[in-house]
Protein backbone atom coordinates (compact mmCIF):
# COMPACT_ATOMS: atom_id res chain seq x y z
CA MET A 1 -258.31 132.02 85.80
CA HIS A 2 -260.76 130.21 83.54
CA SER A 3 -260.23 129.79 79.78
CA THR A 4 -262.45 128.76 76.90
CA LEU A 5 -261.44 127.83 73.37
CA ILE A 6 -264.05 128.03 70.63
CA VAL A 7 -263.31 126.20 67.38
CA ALA A 8 -265.13 127.11 64.16
CA ARG A 9 -264.52 127.59 60.45
CA MET A 10 -263.45 130.90 58.94
CA ALA A 11 -262.64 131.97 55.41
CA PRO A 12 -258.90 132.77 55.25
CA ALA A 13 -259.55 136.32 54.01
CA ALA A 14 -261.95 137.12 56.89
CA GLY A 15 -259.31 137.56 59.60
CA ASP A 16 -259.03 141.34 59.27
CA ASP A 17 -262.81 141.80 59.40
CA VAL A 18 -263.18 139.53 62.43
CA ALA A 19 -260.31 141.31 64.21
CA ARG A 20 -261.92 144.68 63.47
CA LEU A 21 -265.26 143.52 64.90
CA PHE A 22 -263.65 142.28 68.10
CA ALA A 23 -261.48 145.39 68.45
CA ALA A 24 -264.63 147.54 68.43
CA PHE A 25 -266.40 145.16 70.85
CA ASP A 26 -263.42 145.02 73.21
CA ALA A 27 -263.22 148.82 73.27
CA THR A 28 -266.55 148.86 75.13
CA ASP A 29 -267.21 147.79 78.73
CA MET A 30 -268.41 144.36 77.54
CA PRO A 31 -265.16 142.49 78.27
CA HIS A 32 -265.23 143.83 81.84
CA ARG A 33 -268.91 142.93 82.18
CA MET A 34 -268.17 139.36 81.05
CA GLY A 35 -265.01 139.08 83.18
CA THR A 36 -262.79 138.74 80.12
CA ARG A 37 -259.12 139.19 80.95
CA ARG A 38 -257.71 138.36 77.53
CA ARG A 39 -258.97 137.40 74.07
CA GLN A 40 -256.80 135.85 71.37
CA LEU A 41 -257.93 134.85 67.89
CA PHE A 42 -256.07 132.31 65.76
CA ALA A 43 -256.55 130.95 62.26
CA PHE A 44 -255.16 127.76 60.73
CA ARG A 45 -256.13 126.29 57.35
CA GLY A 46 -259.72 127.48 57.40
CA LEU A 47 -260.17 126.94 61.14
CA TYR A 48 -260.85 129.69 63.66
CA PHE A 49 -259.75 129.49 67.29
CA HIS A 50 -261.06 131.96 69.85
CA LEU A 51 -259.20 131.73 73.15
CA GLN A 52 -260.76 133.74 75.94
CA ASP A 53 -259.39 134.01 79.49
CA PHE A 54 -261.61 135.09 82.36
CA ASP A 55 -260.88 136.56 85.77
CA SER A 56 -262.35 133.52 87.51
CA ASP A 57 -264.36 130.36 86.99
CA ASP A 58 -267.61 132.36 86.81
CA GLY A 59 -266.90 133.49 83.22
CA GLY A 60 -269.65 131.27 81.83
CA GLU A 61 -272.23 132.70 84.21
CA ARG A 62 -271.18 136.26 83.43
CA ILE A 63 -271.45 135.61 79.69
CA GLU A 64 -274.93 134.17 80.18
CA GLY A 65 -275.86 137.40 81.94
CA ALA A 66 -274.41 139.54 79.13
CA LYS A 67 -275.65 137.69 76.05
CA ASP A 68 -278.91 139.66 75.92
CA ASP A 69 -276.98 142.93 75.76
CA PRO A 70 -277.52 144.54 72.33
CA ARG A 71 -273.73 144.76 71.80
CA PHE A 72 -273.33 141.02 72.36
CA VAL A 73 -276.25 140.29 70.04
CA ARG A 74 -274.81 142.65 67.40
CA ILE A 75 -271.30 141.14 67.36
CA SER A 76 -272.81 137.66 67.16
CA GLU A 77 -274.80 138.74 64.08
CA ASP A 78 -271.87 140.67 62.57
CA LEU A 79 -269.64 137.59 62.82
CA LYS A 80 -272.07 135.27 60.99
CA PRO A 81 -270.82 136.13 57.47
CA HIS A 82 -267.26 135.31 58.57
CA ILE A 83 -267.51 132.48 61.11
CA GLU A 84 -269.29 129.18 60.51
CA ALA A 85 -269.89 126.42 63.04
CA TYR A 86 -267.32 123.64 62.87
CA ASP A 87 -270.18 121.13 62.67
CA PRO A 88 -273.40 122.96 61.72
CA ALA A 89 -275.45 119.78 62.26
CA THR A 90 -274.67 119.73 66.00
CA TRP A 91 -274.22 123.44 66.81
CA ARG A 92 -276.87 124.98 69.05
CA SER A 93 -274.81 127.40 71.15
CA PRO A 94 -271.15 128.42 71.63
CA ALA A 95 -270.85 125.60 74.18
CA ASP A 96 -271.16 123.16 71.25
CA ALA A 97 -268.00 124.64 69.72
CA MET A 98 -265.82 124.70 72.84
CA ALA A 99 -262.78 122.50 72.93
CA HIS A 100 -262.25 120.48 76.09
CA ARG A 101 -258.92 120.84 77.87
CA PHE A 102 -257.33 117.49 78.57
CA TYR A 103 -253.89 118.67 79.76
CA SER A 104 -252.55 121.81 81.39
CA TRP A 105 -249.15 122.87 82.75
CA GLU A 106 -247.92 126.09 84.34
CA ALA A 107 -244.49 127.19 85.43
CA GLY A 108 -244.14 127.51 89.19
CA ALA A 109 -244.11 130.94 90.75
């Protein structure tokens, strides 16, 4: 499984709206198309954390293939009033907002 964690800024009162937007998006076939296994959204003191788990390491490629889909474009636009880049001066794409894992541990099977 492959995971990504996007870090951004979010107004504290925007959580319900952001959750509603993702609930509608996740009710479509888009998560399957992108290989999304699980999505979790977190907020902490004005920060937004979007943890997304994918079926395999090809999640990035599948997202690239889906980002021209009108539903992907629409949710990206609908989120703009609620989510702001962590560092607007350096943000060009979601890859610029992805945290880098530096440690991982899993319980044995």
